[in-house]
């Protein structure tokens, strides 16, 4: 479904600030895979997601989604294939527009625009049902400006918008990191529910190793622009945090002490 074939990315090449972010990375996701991604700061996690999303091109290699080579496609063309939720709850929505207006934009992503009436009765009823599934009372606030919502409400709405059209690939970039623990748990529960229900192929970056082990059917660990560990199935279900810490210590050597608290 998703193929990354020997992709590499270097920033500020040939300068004193040169940074090799990804080095000859190959990754294959089957349809319905839910892959959690962990690693220390600078491991290449967000660069990986940004490269898939088309925020910047890869220097080498190829990116294929659902059989289509999108290596040279700009970000806006890839948007019809992808759903994305960012770490910052302020991203992914239009703060000055209402809840239903934001949902309408997400519903029309990748579709041709027409001169038909903006939001039909049937469409509004669909939004209400989808919002009810969040159990946050947003179905009664369709006209409320999104900028007035709490961080958790906004992130839940962004998740709903990102999955409204059942994307070929869902990208979650530490989407609970800015939330308090209780709200983060709620958003993760919604994530698990939506991904399972719609059988979405998903890549989720997280710094929480317990969440990385608990969620999804596969886990990969990155370090210095490489995938150093890839585990799935029964082996993943039998993992413990100490196992991941040991793997990371073996790979990072002296950096382990600096990254341990961030990863735990």
Protein backbone atom coordinates (compact mmCIF):
# COMPACT_ATOMS: atom_id res chain seq x y z
CA UNK A 1 0.00 0.00 0.00
CA UNK A 2 2.72 2.48 1.09
CA UNK A 3 6.20 1.92 -0.29
CA UNK A 4 9.22 3.99 0.60
CA UNK A 5 12.10 2.78 -1.54
CA UNK A 6 15.57 3.87 -0.39
CA UNK A 7 14.54 7.44 0.43
CA UNK A 8 17.06 9.94 1.77
CA UNK A 9 16.80 13.56 2.85
CA UNK A 10 19.51 16.07 3.77
CA UNK A 11 18.85 19.63 4.91
CA UNK A 12 21.28 22.50 4.29
CA UNK A 13 23.54 20.28 2.20
CA UNK A 14 27.09 21.47 1.70
CA UNK A 15 26.93 23.94 4.59
CA UNK A 16 28.12 23.92 8.17
CA UNK A 17 24.50 23.24 9.17
CA UNK A 18 24.15 20.12 7.01
CA UNK A 19 21.82 17.58 8.60
CA UNK A 20 21.27 14.09 7.23
CA UNK A 21 17.68 13.52 8.34
CA UNK A 22 16.91 10.25 6.51
CA UNK A 23 19.42 7.78 5.14
CA UNK A 24 18.39 5.13 2.61
CA UNK A 25 15.10 4.35 4.38
CA UNK A 26 12.86 1.62 2.96
CA UNK A 27 9.45 0.88 4.44
CA UNK A 28 6.40 -1.07 3.28
CA UNK A 29 2.95 -0.82 4.87
CA UNK A 30 0.21 -3.30 3.98
CA UNK A 31 -3.41 -2.12 3.75
CA UNK A 32 -4.83 -1.75 7.25
CA UNK A 33 -1.45 -1.64 9.01
CA UNK A 34 -1.40 0.60 12.09
CA UNK A 35 2.27 1.41 12.68
CA UNK A 36 3.55 3.33 15.70
CA UNK A 37 6.87 5.17 15.31
CA UNK A 38 9.21 5.97 18.19
CA UNK A 39 12.70 7.45 18.51
CA UNK A 40 14.67 10.22 20.15
CA UNK A 41 14.91 13.85 19.08
CA UNK A 42 16.38 14.14 15.60
CA UNK A 43 15.72 10.49 14.79
CA UNK A 44 13.87 11.42 11.59
CA UNK A 45 10.31 10.62 12.64
CA UNK A 46 8.66 13.90 11.63
CA UNK A 47 10.88 14.16 8.56
CA UNK A 48 9.54 10.77 7.49
CA UNK A 49 5.92 11.92 7.79
CA UNK A 50 6.62 15.27 6.13
CA UNK A 51 8.34 13.54 3.22
CA UNK A 52 5.35 11.23 2.74
CA UNK A 53 2.98 14.22 2.93
CA UNK A 54 4.99 16.13 0.32
CA UNK A 55 6.04 19.01 2.57
CA UNK A 56 9.44 18.63 0.90
CA UNK A 57 10.77 16.19 -1.72
CA UNK A 58 13.17 13.36 -1.03
CA UNK A 59 16.72 13.73 -2.39
CA UNK A 60 16.86 10.09 -3.44
CA UNK A 61 14.41 7.19 -3.65
CA UNK A 62 10.71 6.89 -4.40
CA UNK A 63 7.35 7.15 -2.60
CA UNK A 64 4.39 5.08 -3.76
CA UNK A 65 0.86 5.04 -2.31
CA UNK A 66 -1.76 2.56 -3.48
CA UNK A 67 0.22 1.82 -6.64
CA UNK A 68 0.70 5.48 -7.63
CA UNK A 69 4.19 6.99 -7.70
CA UNK A 70 3.83 10.31 -5.86
CA UNK A 71 7.54 11.02 -5.44
CA UNK A 72 7.37 14.29 -7.40
CA UNK A 73 3.81 15.28 -6.54
CA UNK A 74 3.45 18.51 -4.53
CA UNK A 75 1.74 18.53 -1.15
CA UNK A 76 -1.63 19.78 -2.42
CA UNK A 77 -1.94 16.94 -4.91
CA UNK A 78 -1.20 14.32 -2.25
CA UNK A 79 -3.85 15.78 0.06
CA UNK A 80 -6.63 13.75 -1.58
CA UNK A 81 -4.81 10.54 -0.58
CA UNK A 82 -3.83 11.51 2.95
CA UNK A 83 -5.37 12.43 6.26
CA UNK A 84 -3.15 14.21 8.77
CA UNK A 85 -3.34 15.33 12.39
CA UNK A 86 -0.59 17.54 13.78
CA UNK A 87 0.86 17.93 17.27
CA UNK A 88 -0.46 21.50 17.56
CA UNK A 89 -4.28 21.53 18.03
CA UNK A 90 -4.30 24.94 16.30
CA UNK A 91 -3.28 23.32 13.01
CA UNK A 92 -5.55 21.37 10.71
CA UNK A 93 -8.65 23.54 11.22
CA UNK A 94 -9.82 27.04 10.31
CA UNK A 95 -10.27 28.83 13.64
CA UNK A 96 -12.58 31.57 12.33
CA UNK A 97 -14.99 29.13 10.69
CA UNK A 98 -17.72 27.07 12.29
CA UNK A 99 -17.54 23.36 13.10
CA UNK A 100 -19.80 22.35 10.22
CA UNK A 101 -17.93 24.61 7.82
CA UNK A 102 -14.67 22.91 8.74
CA UNK A 103 -16.27 19.50 8.26
CA UNK A 104 -17.64 20.59 4.89
CA UNK A 105 -14.15 21.58 3.72
CA UNK A 106 -12.80 18.21 4.81
CA UNK A 107 -15.70 16.41 3.12
CA UNK A 108 -14.90 18.12 -0.18
CA UNK A 109 -11.16 17.48 -0.11
CA UNK A 110 -10.04 16.15 -3.48
CA UNK A 111 -13.47 16.68 -5.06
CA UNK A 112 -14.45 19.07 -7.84
CA UNK A 113 -16.12 22.26 -6.68
CA UNK A 114 -19.64 23.08 -7.92
CA UNK A 115 -22.19 25.88 -7.55
CA UNK A 116 -24.62 23.73 -5.58
CA UNK A 117 -25.94 24.90 -2.19
CA UNK A 118 -23.17 24.80 0.38
CA UNK A 119 -24.26 22.18 2.93
CA UNK A 120 -27.24 19.95 2.24
CA UNK A 121 -29.65 18.64 4.87
CA UNK A 122 -28.35 15.11 4.40
CA UNK A 123 -24.77 16.30 4.73
CA UNK A 124 -25.55 18.15 7.96
CA UNK A 125 -27.24 15.05 9.39
CA UNK A 126 -24.11 13.06 8.56
CA UNK A 127 -21.95 15.58 10.40
CA UNK A 128 -24.20 15.41 13.46
CA UNK A 129 -23.92 11.62 13.58
CA UNK A 130 -20.14 11.73 13.19
CA UNK A 131 -19.83 14.36 15.92
CA UNK A 132 -22.02 12.32 18.26
CA UNK A 133 -19.46 9.51 18.03
CA UNK A 134 -16.89 11.83 19.63
CA UNK A 135 -19.09 12.13 22.73
CA UNK A 136 -18.00 15.73 23.28
CA UNK A 137 -21.32 17.51 22.68
CA UNK A 138 -20.06 19.15 19.49
CA UNK A 139 -23.11 17.98 17.54
CA UNK A 140 -25.04 20.73 19.35
CA UNK A 141 -22.53 23.43 18.39
CA UNK A 142 -22.37 23.19 14.60
CA UNK A 143 -22.15 26.95 14.12
CA UNK A 144 -19.59 27.53 16.91
CA UNK A 145 -16.23 28.91 15.81
CA UNK A 146 -13.55 26.24 16.03
CA UNK A 147 -11.18 28.74 17.65
CA UNK A 148 -13.43 28.70 20.74
CA UNK A 149 -12.99 24.96 21.32
CA UNK A 150 -10.60 23.47 23.86
CA UNK A 151 -7.41 21.81 22.65
CA UNK A 152 -8.87 18.33 23.12
CA UNK A 153 -12.12 19.18 21.34
CA UNK A 154 -10.21 20.74 18.48
CA UNK A 155 -7.87 17.76 18.15
CA UNK A 156 -10.81 15.34 18.16
CA UNK A 157 -12.47 17.43 15.44
CA UNK A 158 -9.25 17.47 13.42
CA UNK A 159 -9.07 13.68 13.70
CA UNK A 160 -12.65 13.42 12.47
CA UNK A 161 -11.91 15.77 9.57
CA UNK A 162 -8.77 13.84 8.62
CA UNK A 163 -10.71 10.57 8.42
CA UNK A 164 -14.01 11.82 7.00
CA UNK A 165 -13.13 10.69 3.47
CA UNK A 166 -11.36 7.48 4.59
CA UNK A 167 -7.88 8.45 3.33
CA UNK A 168 -5.52 5.95 1.76
CA UNK A 169 -3.06 6.78 4.56
CA UNK A 170 -3.54 8.51 7.92
CA UNK A 171 -0.55 10.38 9.37
CA UNK A 172 -0.57 11.19 13.09
CA UNK A 173 2.35 13.37 14.17
CA UNK A 174 2.41 13.18 17.99
CA UNK A 175 -1.22 14.30 17.90
CA UNK A 176 -1.73 13.98 21.68
CA UNK A 177 1.59 15.48 22.84
CA UNK A 178 0.12 18.94 23.54
CA UNK A 179 -2.88 17.62 25.50
CA UNK A 180 -3.27 16.91 29.20
CA UNK A 181 -3.14 13.18 30.12
CA UNK A 182 -6.91 12.72 30.48
CA UNK A 183 -7.68 14.42 27.17
CA UNK A 184 -4.82 12.59 25.46
CA UNK A 185 -6.33 9.25 26.53
CA UNK A 186 -9.69 10.28 25.09
CA UNK A 187 -8.19 11.28 21.74
CA UNK A 188 -6.18 8.03 21.60
CA UNK A 189 -9.35 6.03 22.30
CA UNK A 190 -11.08 7.86 19.44
CA UNK A 191 -8.07 7.23 17.22
CA UNK A 192 -8.12 3.50 17.94
CA UNK A 193 -11.88 3.35 17.37
CA UNK A 194 -11.83 5.21 14.04
CA UNK A 195 -8.78 3.40 12.66
CA UNK A 196 -10.21 -0.01 13.60
CA UNK A 197 -13.72 0.77 12.32
CA UNK A 198 -12.59 2.10 8.95
CA UNK A 199 -9.52 -0.18 8.69
CA UNK A 200 -7.30 2.79 7.92
CA UNK A 201 -3.63 2.35 7.08
CA UNK A 202 -1.96 4.54 9.70
CA UNK A 203 1.45 5.88 10.75
CA UNK A 204 1.49 7.36 14.27
CA UNK A 205 4.49 9.06 15.84
CA UNK A 206 4.56 9.00 19.63
CA UNK A 207 7.07 9.58 22.44
CA UNK A 208 5.05 7.40 24.79
CA UNK A 209 6.40 3.87 24.59
CA UNK A 210 3.42 2.38 26.41
CA UNK A 211 1.10 3.83 23.76
CA UNK A 212 3.46 2.63 21.02
CA UNK A 213 3.29 -0.92 22.37
CA UNK A 214 -0.43 -0.89 23.14
CA UNK A 215 -1.69 0.59 19.87
CA UNK A 216 -1.43 -0.78 16.37
CA UNK A 217 -0.16 -4.04 14.96
CA UNK A 218 3.41 -2.94 14.25
CA UNK A 219 6.11 -0.76 15.81
CA UNK A 220 9.23 0.78 14.30
CA UNK A 221 12.06 2.56 16.10
CA UNK A 222 14.15 5.21 14.37
CA UNK A 223 17.61 6.55 15.20
CA UNK A 224 19.73 9.05 13.27
CA UNK A 225 17.63 8.82 10.13
CA UNK A 226 17.41 5.04 10.03
CA UNK A 227 14.87 2.38 11.01
CA UNK A 228 16.74 0.29 13.57
CA UNK A 229 13.90 -1.92 14.83
CA UNK A 230 10.72 -3.21 13.18
CA UNK A 231 8.43 -5.55 15.11
CA UNK A 232 4.89 -6.78 14.60
CA UNK A 233 2.37 -9.48 15.50
CA UNK A 234 2.87 -11.62 18.58
CA UNK A 235 6.40 -10.34 19.11
CA UNK A 236 5.07 -6.80 19.41
CA UNK A 237 2.23 -7.81 21.75
CA UNK A 238 4.80 -9.38 24.08
CA UNK A 239 6.98 -6.26 24.23
CA UNK A 240 7.57 -4.28 27.43
CA UNK A 241 8.94 -0.78 27.88
CA UNK A 242 12.22 -2.17 29.21
CA UNK A 243 12.67 -4.10 25.95
CA UNK A 244 12.42 -0.90 23.93
CA UNK A 245 14.75 0.93 26.29
CA UNK A 246 17.32 -1.82 25.84
CA UNK A 247 16.99 -1.64 22.06
CA UNK A 248 17.39 2.11 22.14
CA UNK A 249 20.39 1.91 24.47
CA UNK A 250 22.12 -0.53 22.12
CA UNK A 251 21.57 1.80 19.17
CA UNK A 252 22.25 5.17 20.78
CA UNK A 253 25.11 4.35 23.12
CA UNK A 254 26.01 7.43 25.15
CA UNK A 255 22.91 9.28 24.01
CA UNK A 256 20.69 6.90 25.92
CA UNK A 257 20.85 8.86 29.17
CA UNK A 258 19.72 12.03 27.41
CA UNK A 259 16.79 10.43 25.63
CA UNK A 260 15.55 7.99 28.25
CA UNK A 261 13.18 10.35 30.05
CA UNK A 262 11.83 11.69 26.78
CA UNK A 263 11.11 8.20 25.47
CA UNK A 264 9.69 6.74 28.69
